[in-house]
Amino acid sequence: MITYLPLILLAGLSAFVATPILGALARRVDFVDYPKPHKIHVKPIPLMGGLAIYISLLVVVLLVDVGPARVEMIGVGVGATLLAIVGLLDDRRGLSPWVRLAAEVVAGVIVAAVGIRVDLFPWPVLNLLITLFWIVGITNALNLMDNMDGLAAGVSAVAGLFFLILSSSTGQGLVAALAAAVAGASLGFLYYNINPAMVFMGDAGSLLLGFTLAVVGIKYTPTELPLGSTWMVPIVVLGLPIFDTTLVTYARWRARRPLFRGGGDHTSHRLARLGLGATRAVLTLYIVSVALGGLAILMTRSTPRVADMLFGGLLVVGLVGVLLLERARPLPPANPPLVVITTPRDAPLLIGAAKRLSADLTVVLSQGFPAEGLADLLVSLALDPQAMRAWIERAHPVLDLAGVGEWEKSLKVAGRVLFDGKDSAGAGAVLARVETASLVAVAAEADPGEAVRALLATMGGRVVSLGEARVAEADLADLFDDMLSGHRRKDSTR
C-alpha cells in the first residue's frame, strides 16, 4: 500500500487545490445550486465539485503506468469522461433519469469492450448483463447517497482505501491505482464538502465516483486467493450504498412513490430523525463503511465456507436493517409546500409554526383582512424581514390587497399571499395551491369558500384544523412535522 501513497497524495492535493478554484468559477458563471422548495440548503452553493474530482482522477489516469492494462485504463477514462459530462449537463440543465441511465449503460459497454467484465459464468451474454447491472447499480447507488454534506465523498474515500488495501498486496496495479485515485480525490474534496458544505459534487461527481468504484469492484480478482473467499468482497465493501438503495427502493415501493423522485427517506435521513442529527448520522455511516471494509478483509483471510457464512450473516443483518429502518420516520420533505388559510387573529400563530418547517408557504387571507395588519404579515414572510420593513415604509406606507402581486415581485418572500376563494378568480388560484400542498392548515373561523372547502374534504390527512383552544407555536409546528413525516397522533388541534 505504501507504493500507492503518492497517488493518494497526488489525487488529494489536486482535488484540494481545484475545488475552491472551480467553486469560485461556478459562482462567477452562475453554476450554482439555488435554494428551492425541495432543497435543504438556504444559500446558493457552487456545483462544480464534480469537475474537481474528475480532474483529480484524470491526473492519476494520465500519470500512472499500469503496463499491459493501459487499454483498460483508457476505457475507464472514456467511460468516466462520458458520465462526468452527462452529470455536468444534469447539474446545469436537468436531464431525464432515462438519459442518465442510457449514459451509464454506454459507459458500461465501453469498459466491457476493453475487457473489464464479470467472468463468473460460461455464457458471455449473461456475464455482460451482470456487468452492466453492477455498473449501473453501483453508479446510481453512489448518486443516491449524495444526500447529506460529506456523505458520498466520505463513503467513497473509505471504499477506495479498502479496495487499495485489498488489491495492493495481490499485485493488481490497475485496481490499486484507481482505488488510490478515488480515495485521494474524495478526501481532497471532502474538506470543502463536510457539513456545512462550501461546494457540492453534484451528479457529475457522484456518477463519476460510483462508476469508478464499480469498475474497481469488477477488476478486483486476486488469483492467488480462492474465488469462494473473494467473489463477495466488492459487494461487502460497497455494502452501504447497496443497502441504502435497497431501503429507498423498498420504502418508495411500499409508499407507491416514484423511485426517481427524491425525498427524506434515505438511511442517513432516518438515522438523523431517530435522534442522531445530520452530522452524527454521517459519522455513523462512515463507521459502518469502515466495519464493512474490515469484514471484507476478514473474508479474504478465511476459508470459502467461513466467508460464505459471514456473507450470509451480513445479508440477514442487512435485510433486518431494511425492515426496521423502513418503519422509522423519514424526514419530511425539505421545504414542503404548505398552505395556511387564516383569519387576522390566527395569522401570526399559523404562519410562525409553518415557517419553522418550510420556506414555501401560501397564505390565504380573507377579503376583510385589515390593511394595518398587512405590513406585519409581509414582514413575517420575508426572507429578509428588515429589508421588507424598510421597503414598505419607504414605498407603500398604506397597503391593501390589490398590491400583493407587486410585493412578491419587489422582495422575495417565503411564500405567497392570495385572496380567499369566494370569487371565481380567487378560487382558481387558491385551489391550484391547495391541490399541490403537502399540508393545509385552516384557522378555526376561516372561510375559504365552497370550492376550496370541497377540495379540503377530499384531502384527509393533509389537512389540520386549528380549534378554538389556543396552542403554542412550537407545539403546532410539532404537529405539522408529525403529519408531514407520516406520523399521526391525537392532538387537541385536530
Protein backbone atom coordinates (compact mmCIF):
# COMPACT_ATOMS: atom_id res chain seq x y z
CA MET A 1 0.00 0.00 0.00
CA ILE A 2 2.92 2.35 0.71
CA THR A 3 3.78 2.20 -3.00
CA TYR A 4 0.47 3.86 -3.86
CA LEU A 5 0.61 6.52 -1.16
CA PRO A 6 1.98 9.12 -3.66
CA LEU A 7 -1.11 8.55 -5.84
CA ILE A 8 -3.41 9.25 -2.88
CA LEU A 9 -1.47 12.42 -2.11
CA LEU A 10 -1.42 13.49 -5.77
CA ALA A 11 -5.16 12.99 -6.27
CA GLY A 12 -5.94 14.53 -2.89
CA LEU A 13 -3.79 17.60 -3.50
CA SER A 14 -5.30 18.04 -6.98
CA ALA A 15 -8.83 17.98 -5.57
CA PHE A 16 -7.85 20.20 -2.64
CA VAL A 17 -6.47 22.86 -4.99
CA ALA A 18 -9.01 22.52 -7.81
CA THR A 19 -12.17 22.54 -5.68
CA PRO A 20 -12.04 26.16 -4.38
CA ILE A 21 -10.87 27.43 -7.79
CA LEU A 22 -13.75 25.75 -9.58
CA GLY A 23 -16.10 26.81 -6.79
CA ALA A 24 -15.18 30.45 -7.42
CA LEU A 25 -15.61 29.91 -11.17
CA ALA A 26 -19.01 28.33 -10.60
CA ARG A 27 -20.17 31.40 -8.70
CA ARG A 28 -18.91 33.66 -11.47
CA VAL A 29 -20.74 31.77 -14.24
CA ASP A 30 -23.80 31.13 -12.04
CA PHE A 31 -23.26 27.33 -11.97
CA VAL A 32 -24.77 27.03 -8.51
CA ASP A 33 -27.48 25.07 -6.76
CA TYR A 34 -30.04 27.64 -5.64
CA PRO A 35 -32.31 27.04 -2.63
CA LYS A 36 -35.61 25.59 -3.77
CA PRO A 37 -38.69 24.22 -2.04
CA HIS A 38 -37.34 20.63 -2.13
CA LYS A 39 -33.78 21.57 -1.10
CA ILE A 40 -32.34 21.76 2.40
CA HIS A 41 -29.63 24.40 1.94
CA VAL A 42 -30.61 28.04 2.32
CA LYS A 43 -27.97 29.78 0.19
CA PRO A 44 -26.56 29.18 -3.31
CA ILE A 45 -23.83 26.51 -3.34
CA PRO A 46 -21.37 26.03 -6.25
CA LEU A 47 -21.96 22.82 -8.20
CA MET A 48 -18.57 22.25 -9.87
CA GLY A 49 -17.12 19.97 -7.22
CA GLY A 50 -17.63 17.01 -9.52
CA LEU A 51 -15.34 18.60 -12.08
CA ALA A 52 -12.63 18.93 -9.43
CA ILE A 53 -12.98 15.21 -8.66
CA TYR A 54 -12.78 14.43 -12.38
CA ILE A 55 -9.59 16.44 -12.77
CA SER A 56 -8.05 14.64 -9.80
CA LEU A 57 -8.89 11.22 -11.21
CA LEU A 58 -7.65 12.25 -14.65
CA VAL A 59 -4.29 13.33 -13.25
CA VAL A 60 -3.74 9.82 -11.88
CA VAL A 61 -5.03 8.09 -15.02
CA LEU A 62 -2.62 10.09 -17.21
CA LEU A 63 0.45 9.76 -14.99
CA VAL A 64 0.31 6.22 -13.64
CA ASP A 65 1.91 3.42 -15.65
CA VAL A 66 -0.26 0.31 -15.47
CA GLY A 67 1.68 -1.58 -18.16
CA PRO A 68 -0.45 -4.02 -20.19
CA ALA A 69 -3.62 -2.68 -18.55
CA ARG A 70 -3.23 0.63 -20.37
CA VAL A 71 -6.06 -0.14 -22.82
CA GLU A 72 -8.36 -0.91 -19.91
CA MET A 73 -7.35 2.34 -18.19
CA ILE A 74 -8.20 4.24 -21.38
CA GLY A 75 -11.61 2.57 -21.47
CA VAL A 76 -12.23 3.57 -17.86
CA GLY A 77 -11.16 7.14 -18.70
CA VAL A 78 -13.55 7.34 -21.65
CA GLY A 79 -16.49 5.97 -19.64
CA ALA A 80 -15.72 8.28 -16.72
CA THR A 81 -15.50 11.28 -19.05
CA LEU A 82 -18.87 10.45 -20.58
CA LEU A 83 -20.54 10.29 -17.16
CA ALA A 84 -18.80 13.45 -15.96
CA ILE A 85 -20.14 15.35 -18.99
CA VAL A 86 -23.65 13.94 -18.56
CA GLY A 87 -23.51 14.77 -14.86
CA LEU A 88 -22.47 18.35 -15.54
CA LEU A 89 -25.31 18.75 -18.04
CA ASP A 90 -27.73 17.33 -15.49
CA ASP A 91 -26.43 19.72 -12.83
CA ARG A 92 -26.77 22.65 -15.21
CA ARG A 93 -30.00 21.95 -17.05
CA GLY A 94 -31.61 18.90 -15.51
CA LEU A 95 -31.82 15.72 -17.59
CA SER A 96 -34.33 12.90 -17.63
CA PRO A 97 -33.37 9.93 -15.43
CA TRP A 98 -33.58 7.83 -18.57
CA VAL A 99 -30.87 9.90 -20.25
CA ARG A 100 -28.56 9.33 -17.29
CA LEU A 101 -29.43 5.63 -17.33
CA ALA A 102 -28.60 5.39 -21.02
CA ALA A 103 -25.25 7.10 -20.44
CA GLU A 104 -24.45 4.65 -17.63
CA VAL A 105 -25.22 1.70 -19.90
CA VAL A 106 -23.00 3.13 -22.65
CA ALA A 107 -20.17 3.66 -20.15
CA GLY A 108 -20.61 0.06 -19.00
CA VAL A 109 -20.46 -1.21 -22.58
CA ILE A 110 -17.24 0.78 -23.14
CA VAL A 111 -15.40 -0.80 -20.22
CA ALA A 112 -16.78 -4.23 -21.09
CA ALA A 113 -15.43 -3.80 -24.63
CA VAL A 114 -11.89 -3.30 -23.30
CA GLY A 115 -12.08 -6.43 -21.16
CA ILE A 116 -13.46 -5.18 -17.83
CA ARG A 117 -16.37 -7.50 -17.20
CA VAL A 118 -17.70 -10.07 -14.79
CA ASP A 119 -16.47 -13.56 -15.64
CA LEU A 120 -18.40 -15.90 -13.36
CA PHE A 121 -20.37 -17.96 -15.87
CA PRO A 122 -19.62 -19.75 -19.16
CA TRP A 123 -22.17 -17.63 -21.03
CA PRO A 124 -20.75 -14.31 -22.34
CA VAL A 125 -24.15 -12.65 -22.69
CA LEU A 126 -25.04 -13.39 -19.06
CA ASN A 127 -21.67 -12.07 -17.90
CA LEU A 128 -22.22 -8.87 -19.90
CA LEU A 129 -25.70 -8.36 -18.41
CA ILE A 130 -24.35 -8.84 -14.88
CA THR A 131 -21.54 -6.40 -15.67
CA LEU A 132 -23.97 -3.72 -16.85
CA PHE A 133 -26.30 -4.36 -13.90
CA TRP A 134 -23.41 -3.95 -11.45
CA ILE A 135 -22.05 -0.78 -13.07
CA VAL A 136 -25.45 0.89 -13.42
CA GLY A 137 -26.50 -0.21 -9.93
CA ILE A 138 -23.38 0.99 -8.09
CA THR A 139 -23.22 4.21 -10.10
CA ASN A 140 -26.78 5.08 -9.10
CA ALA A 141 -26.25 3.86 -5.53
CA LEU A 142 -23.47 6.43 -5.01
CA ASN A 143 -25.61 9.04 -6.72
CA LEU A 144 -28.43 8.34 -4.26
CA MET A 145 -26.01 8.55 -1.32
CA ASP A 146 -25.18 12.14 -2.15
CA ASN A 147 -27.98 13.38 0.12
CA MET A 148 -26.09 14.92 3.06
CA ASP A 149 -22.99 17.05 3.31
CA GLY A 150 -19.87 14.89 3.19
CA LEU A 151 -21.69 11.55 2.94
CA ALA A 152 -20.97 10.40 -0.63
CA ALA A 153 -17.39 11.73 -0.57
CA GLY A 154 -16.62 10.11 2.79
CA VAL A 155 -18.11 6.73 1.88
CA SER A 156 -16.24 6.80 -1.45
CA ALA A 157 -12.97 7.58 0.34
CA VAL A 158 -13.43 4.65 2.75
CA ALA A 159 -14.33 2.26 -0.07
CA GLY A 160 -11.33 3.42 -2.12
CA LEU A 161 -8.95 2.91 0.80
CA PHE A 162 -10.18 -0.62 1.48
CA PHE A 163 -10.03 -1.59 -2.20
CA LEU A 164 -6.46 -0.27 -2.15
CA ILE A 165 -5.58 -2.39 0.89
CA LEU A 166 -7.16 -5.46 -0.67
CA SER A 167 -5.56 -5.09 -4.10
CA SER A 168 -2.11 -3.65 -3.37
CA SER A 169 -0.92 -6.86 -1.72
CA THR A 170 -2.01 -9.01 -4.67
CA GLY A 171 -0.25 -7.14 -7.46
CA GLN A 172 -3.38 -5.72 -9.11
CA GLY A 173 -1.92 -2.47 -10.38
CA LEU A 174 -4.98 -1.09 -12.18
CA VAL A 175 -7.30 -1.75 -9.24
CA ALA A 176 -4.87 -0.25 -6.74
CA ALA A 177 -4.22 2.85 -8.88
CA LEU A 178 -7.93 3.56 -9.40
CA ALA A 179 -8.71 2.89 -5.74
CA ALA A 180 -5.93 5.25 -4.64
CA ALA A 181 -7.22 7.91 -7.04
CA VAL A 182 -10.78 7.61 -5.71
CA ALA A 183 -9.62 7.74 -2.09
CA GLY A 184 -7.37 10.76 -2.66
CA ALA A 185 -9.83 12.73 -4.78
CA SER A 186 -12.67 12.08 -2.32
CA LEU A 187 -10.58 13.14 0.68
CA GLY A 188 -9.32 16.30 -1.04
CA PHE A 189 -12.87 17.28 -1.97
CA LEU A 190 -14.30 16.26 1.41
CA TYR A 191 -12.50 19.14 3.13
CA TYR A 192 -14.85 21.56 1.34
CA ASN A 193 -17.92 19.31 1.40
CA ILE A 194 -18.08 18.46 5.10
CA ASN A 195 -21.04 20.00 6.92
CA PRO A 196 -21.70 22.85 6.27
CA ALA A 197 -20.70 22.29 2.65
CA MET A 198 -18.95 25.04 0.70
CA VAL A 199 -19.19 23.13 -2.61
CA PHE A 200 -21.41 20.32 -3.90
CA MET A 201 -20.10 17.49 -6.10
CA GLY A 202 -23.40 17.32 -7.99
CA ASP A 203 -24.31 14.44 -10.28
CA ALA A 204 -21.01 14.91 -12.12
CA GLY A 205 -19.12 13.85 -9.00
CA SER A 206 -21.43 11.16 -7.64
CA LEU A 207 -21.88 9.42 -11.01
CA LEU A 208 -18.13 9.56 -11.59
CA LEU A 209 -17.22 8.10 -8.19
CA GLY A 210 -19.89 5.41 -8.41
CA PHE A 211 -18.75 4.35 -11.89
CA THR A 212 -15.09 4.19 -10.89
CA LEU A 213 -15.80 2.17 -7.75
CA ALA A 214 -17.99 -0.20 -9.79
CA VAL A 215 -15.09 -0.77 -12.19
CA VAL A 216 -12.70 -1.34 -9.29
CA GLY A 217 -15.11 -3.93 -7.87
CA ILE A 218 -15.19 -5.84 -11.15
CA LYS A 219 -11.41 -5.73 -11.58
CA TYR A 220 -10.73 -6.99 -8.06
CA THR A 221 -9.90 -10.65 -8.84
CA PRO A 222 -6.95 -11.86 -6.74
CA THR A 223 -5.90 -15.08 -8.49
CA GLU A 224 -3.83 -16.40 -5.57
CA LEU A 225 -6.88 -16.43 -3.29
CA PRO A 226 -9.80 -18.89 -3.63
CA LEU A 227 -12.76 -17.46 -5.54
CA GLY A 228 -15.08 -18.70 -2.80
CA SER A 229 -13.46 -16.25 -0.36
CA THR A 230 -13.31 -13.20 -2.66
CA TRP A 231 -16.27 -13.09 -5.04
CA MET A 232 -18.42 -11.28 -2.45
CA VAL A 233 -15.72 -8.77 -1.39
CA PRO A 234 -16.80 -5.89 -3.73
CA ILE A 235 -20.41 -6.32 -2.56
CA VAL A 236 -19.33 -6.07 1.07
CA VAL A 237 -17.00 -3.07 0.58
CA LEU A 238 -19.81 -1.24 -1.23
CA GLY A 239 -22.44 -2.67 1.09
CA LEU A 240 -23.61 0.68 2.46
CA PRO A 241 -24.63 2.22 -0.91
CA ILE A 242 -26.26 -1.10 -1.82
CA PHE A 243 -28.15 -1.16 1.50
CA ASP A 244 -29.32 2.44 1.10
CA THR A 245 -30.56 1.85 -2.44
CA THR A 246 -32.42 -1.28 -1.30
CA LEU A 247 -34.01 0.60 1.60
CA VAL A 248 -35.11 3.53 -0.58
CA THR A 249 -36.47 1.24 -3.31
CA TYR A 250 -38.44 -0.83 -0.83
CA ALA A 251 -39.77 2.20 1.05
CA ARG A 252 -40.89 4.00 -2.08
CA TRP A 253 -42.46 0.84 -3.48
CA ARG A 254 -44.46 0.39 -0.28
CA ALA A 255 -45.50 4.04 -0.30
CA ARG A 256 -46.28 3.87 -4.05
CA ARG A 257 -43.95 6.79 -4.77
CA PRO A 258 -41.79 7.10 -7.90
CA LEU A 259 -38.29 5.69 -7.38
CA PHE A 260 -36.60 8.61 -9.13
CA ARG A 261 -38.32 11.27 -7.01
CA GLY A 262 -36.05 12.46 -4.20
CA GLY A 263 -37.10 12.52 -0.60
CA GLY A 264 -36.02 12.34 3.02
CA ASP A 265 -36.24 8.53 3.19
CA HIS A 266 -32.57 7.56 2.89
CA THR A 267 -30.62 5.75 5.60
CA SER A 268 -28.94 9.00 6.64
CA HIS A 269 -32.26 10.84 6.92
CA ARG A 270 -33.81 8.11 9.05
CA LEU A 271 -30.81 7.96 11.39
CA ALA A 272 -30.92 11.73 11.73
CA ARG A 273 -34.62 11.57 12.57
CA LEU A 274 -34.02 8.87 15.18
CA GLY A 275 -32.03 11.38 17.21
CA LEU A 276 -28.51 11.35 15.79
CA GLY A 277 -28.86 14.55 13.79
CA ALA A 278 -27.25 15.11 10.40
CA THR A 279 -23.59 15.23 11.48
CA ARG A 280 -23.71 12.16 13.72
CA ALA A 281 -25.73 10.26 11.12
CA VAL A 282 -22.96 10.84 8.56
CA LEU A 283 -20.26 9.84 11.06
CA THR A 284 -22.21 6.70 11.94
CA LEU A 285 -22.33 5.72 8.27
CA TYR A 286 -18.59 6.32 7.99
CA ILE A 287 -18.12 3.83 10.85
CA VAL A 288 -20.41 1.32 9.12
CA SER A 289 -18.36 1.68 5.92
CA VAL A 290 -15.14 1.01 7.84
CA ALA A 291 -16.69 -2.03 9.55
CA LEU A 292 -17.77 -3.44 6.18
CA GLY A 293 -14.29 -2.91 4.78
CA GLY A 294 -12.79 -4.74 7.76
CA LEU A 295 -15.25 -7.59 7.26
CA ALA A 296 -14.21 -7.83 3.61
CA ILE A 297 -10.56 -8.19 4.63
CA LEU A 298 -11.53 -10.91 7.13
CA MET A 299 -13.35 -12.81 4.39
CA THR A 300 -10.26 -12.87 2.16
CA ARG A 301 -8.32 -14.47 5.01
CA SER A 302 -11.00 -17.08 5.70
CA THR A 303 -11.85 -20.36 4.07
CA PRO A 304 -14.59 -20.23 1.42
CA ARG A 305 -17.03 -21.89 3.81
CA VAL A 306 -16.42 -19.33 6.58
CA ALA A 307 -16.53 -16.46 4.05
CA ASP A 308 -19.89 -17.70 2.76
CA MET A 309 -21.24 -17.93 6.32
CA LEU A 310 -20.06 -14.38 7.09
CA PHE A 311 -21.64 -13.11 3.89
CA GLY A 312 -24.89 -14.92 4.60
CA GLY A 313 -25.00 -13.43 8.09
CA LEU A 314 -24.38 -9.98 6.65
CA LEU A 315 -27.28 -10.43 4.21
CA VAL A 316 -29.60 -11.35 7.09
CA VAL A 317 -28.46 -8.32 9.10
CA GLY A 318 -28.96 -6.11 6.05
CA LEU A 319 -32.49 -7.37 5.35
CA VAL A 320 -33.48 -6.94 9.00
CA GLY A 321 -31.99 -3.44 8.90
CA VAL A 322 -34.06 -2.57 5.84
CA LEU A 323 -37.26 -3.76 7.53
CA LEU A 324 -36.51 -1.89 10.75
CA LEU A 325 -35.35 1.38 9.20
CA GLU A 326 -38.24 1.39 6.73
CA ARG A 327 -40.51 1.68 9.76
CA ALA A 328 -38.52 4.61 11.17
CA ARG A 329 -39.95 8.02 10.49
CA PRO A 330 -38.28 9.61 7.48
CA LEU A 331 -37.50 13.29 7.44
CA PRO A 332 -40.34 15.33 5.97
CA PRO A 333 -39.56 16.83 2.57
CA ALA A 334 -37.28 19.84 2.68
CA ASN A 335 -39.38 23.00 2.39
CA PRO A 336 -42.63 21.19 1.56
CA PRO A 337 -45.36 23.36 0.03
CA LEU A 338 -47.66 24.44 2.86
CA VAL A 339 -50.92 26.38 2.70
CA VAL A 340 -52.21 28.48 5.60
CA ILE A 341 -55.85 29.60 5.41
CA THR A 342 -56.16 32.10 8.20
CA THR A 343 -58.00 34.91 9.88
CA PRO A 344 -56.27 38.02 11.26
CA ARG A 345 -56.34 36.61 14.79
CA ASP A 346 -54.64 33.29 13.95
CA ALA A 347 -52.27 34.52 11.22
CA PRO A 348 -49.18 35.01 13.46
CA LEU A 349 -49.57 31.58 15.08
CA LEU A 350 -50.16 29.58 11.89
CA ILE A 351 -47.53 31.39 9.84
CA GLY A 352 -44.96 31.17 12.63
CA ALA A 353 -45.50 27.42 13.01
CA ALA A 354 -45.43 26.79 9.26
CA LYS A 355 -42.26 28.85 8.75
CA ARG A 356 -40.41 26.54 11.15
CA LEU A 357 -40.81 23.76 8.58
CA SER A 358 -40.85 25.40 5.17
CA ALA A 359 -39.94 28.43 3.12
CA ASP A 360 -42.61 27.59 0.56
CA LEU A 361 -45.78 28.97 2.13
CA THR A 362 -49.04 30.15 0.66
CA VAL A 363 -51.07 32.37 2.96
CA VAL A 364 -54.77 32.65 2.07
CA LEU A 365 -56.36 35.78 3.57
CA SER A 366 -59.97 36.76 3.90
CA GLN A 367 -61.22 39.78 1.98
CA GLY A 368 -61.74 41.56 5.27
CA PHE A 369 -58.13 41.29 6.39
CA PRO A 370 -57.29 44.68 7.98
CA ALA A 371 -54.90 46.87 6.00
CA GLU A 372 -52.92 47.73 9.12
CA GLY A 373 -52.00 44.06 9.56
CA LEU A 374 -50.71 43.50 6.03
CA ALA A 375 -47.33 45.09 6.66
CA ASP A 376 -46.64 42.83 9.63
CA LEU A 377 -47.80 39.84 7.62
CA LEU A 378 -45.40 40.58 4.77
CA VAL A 379 -42.52 41.17 7.16
CA SER A 380 -43.20 37.82 8.80
CA LEU A 381 -42.99 36.11 5.40
CA ALA A 382 -39.95 37.93 4.05
CA LEU A 383 -36.61 36.16 3.79
CA ASP A 384 -35.06 39.48 4.86
CA PRO A 385 -37.57 40.99 7.31
CA GLN A 386 -35.60 44.21 7.86
CA ALA A 387 -35.34 44.91 4.14
CA MET A 388 -39.04 44.22 3.69
CA ARG A 389 -39.97 46.55 6.54
CA ALA A 390 -37.78 49.33 5.13
CA TRP A 391 -39.26 48.87 1.65
CA ILE A 392 -42.82 49.02 2.96
CA GLU A 393 -42.18 52.15 5.00
CA ARG A 394 -40.43 53.85 2.11
CA ALA A 395 -42.62 52.86 -0.84
CA HIS A 396 -46.00 51.81 0.49
CA PRO A 397 -46.92 53.31 3.85
CA VAL A 398 -50.53 52.27 3.23
CA LEU A 399 -51.07 48.75 1.90
CA ASP A 400 -54.07 46.94 0.55
CA LEU A 401 -54.70 43.55 -1.00
CA ALA A 402 -54.51 44.93 -4.54
CA GLY A 403 -50.73 45.26 -4.20
CA VAL A 404 -49.98 41.67 -3.28
CA GLY A 405 -48.50 40.77 -6.65
CA GLU A 406 -46.22 43.80 -6.61
CA TRP A 407 -44.91 42.96 -3.14
CA GLU A 408 -43.91 39.47 -4.25
CA LYS A 409 -42.08 40.89 -7.29
CA SER A 410 -40.29 43.56 -5.30
CA LEU A 411 -38.87 41.49 -2.44
CA LYS A 412 -38.61 37.72 -2.17
CA VAL A 413 -40.89 36.24 0.45
CA ALA A 414 -41.02 32.74 1.90
CA GLY A 415 -44.22 32.02 0.02
CA ARG A 416 -47.11 33.95 -1.48
CA VAL A 417 -50.26 35.75 -0.38
CA LEU A 418 -53.61 35.03 -2.03
CA PHE A 419 -57.21 36.19 -1.67
CA ASP A 420 -59.73 33.75 -0.28
CA GLY A 421 -61.66 31.57 -2.70
CA LYS A 422 -65.11 33.11 -2.51
CA ASP A 423 -64.97 34.54 -6.02
CA SER A 424 -64.05 32.67 -9.18
CA ALA A 425 -60.68 34.35 -9.67
CA GLY A 426 -59.63 33.83 -6.08
CA ALA A 427 -60.91 30.26 -6.03
CA GLY A 428 -58.81 29.28 -9.04
CA ALA A 429 -55.55 30.49 -7.52
CA VAL A 430 -56.26 29.02 -4.10
CA LEU A 431 -57.42 25.68 -5.49
CA ALA A 432 -54.22 25.31 -7.52
CA ARG A 433 -52.05 25.81 -4.43
CA VAL A 434 -54.18 23.70 -2.09
CA GLU A 435 -54.26 20.77 -4.51
CA THR A 436 -50.43 20.50 -4.60
CA ALA A 437 -49.83 21.27 -0.90
CA SER A 438 -48.18 18.76 1.41
CA LEU A 439 -50.20 20.19 4.28
CA VAL A 440 -53.06 22.71 4.65
CA ALA A 441 -53.65 24.45 7.99
CA VAL A 442 -57.03 26.12 8.45
CA ALA A 443 -57.85 28.61 11.18
CA ALA A 444 -60.99 27.96 13.22
CA GLU A 445 -63.05 30.82 11.77
CA ALA A 446 -61.56 30.91 8.28
CA ASP A 447 -63.97 30.58 5.37
CA PRO A 448 -62.07 29.78 2.15
CA GLY A 449 -65.17 29.39 0.01
CA GLU A 450 -67.29 26.47 -1.12
CA ALA A 451 -64.96 25.14 -3.84
CA VAL A 452 -61.92 25.12 -1.56
CA ARG A 453 -63.90 23.50 1.27
CA ALA A 454 -64.99 20.72 -1.09
CA LEU A 455 -61.36 20.07 -2.07
CA LEU A 456 -60.21 20.07 1.56
CA ALA A 457 -62.81 17.41 2.35
CA THR A 458 -61.05 15.01 -0.04
CA MET A 459 -57.52 15.56 1.32
CA GLY A 460 -57.82 13.62 4.59
CA GLY A 461 -54.52 13.54 6.49
CA ARG A 462 -53.11 16.54 4.67
CA VAL A 463 -55.46 18.99 6.43
CA VAL A 464 -55.22 20.22 10.02
CA SER A 465 -57.88 22.49 11.52
CA LEU A 466 -56.97 24.83 14.35
CA GLY A 467 -59.54 24.53 17.11
CA GLU A 468 -60.77 27.31 19.37
CA ALA A 469 -58.28 26.35 22.09
CA ARG A 470 -55.03 28.29 21.80
CA VAL A 471 -51.84 26.25 21.41
CA ALA A 472 -48.17 27.19 21.48
CA GLU A 473 -46.45 27.85 18.17
CA ALA A 474 -43.80 25.16 18.86
CA ASP A 475 -46.49 22.55 19.64
CA LEU A 476 -48.34 23.39 16.46
CA ALA A 477 -45.10 23.13 14.47
CA ASP A 478 -44.53 19.67 16.01
CA LEU A 479 -47.98 18.60 14.88
CA PHE A 480 -47.30 19.82 11.35
CA ASP A 481 -43.97 17.97 11.41
CA ASP A 482 -45.61 14.73 12.52
CA MET A 483 -48.18 14.92 9.75
CA LEU A 484 -45.59 15.70 7.08
CA SER A 485 -43.46 12.72 8.08
CA GLY A 486 -46.46 10.40 8.05
CA HIS A 487 -46.58 10.01 11.82
CA ARG A 488 -50.12 10.54 13.03
CA ARG A 489 -51.03 11.33 16.61
CA LYS A 490 -54.04 12.58 18.52
CA ASP A 491 -53.88 16.28 19.23
CA SER A 492 -56.26 18.87 20.60
CA THR A 493 -55.90 20.97 17.47
CA ARG A 494 -57.27 18.24 15.22
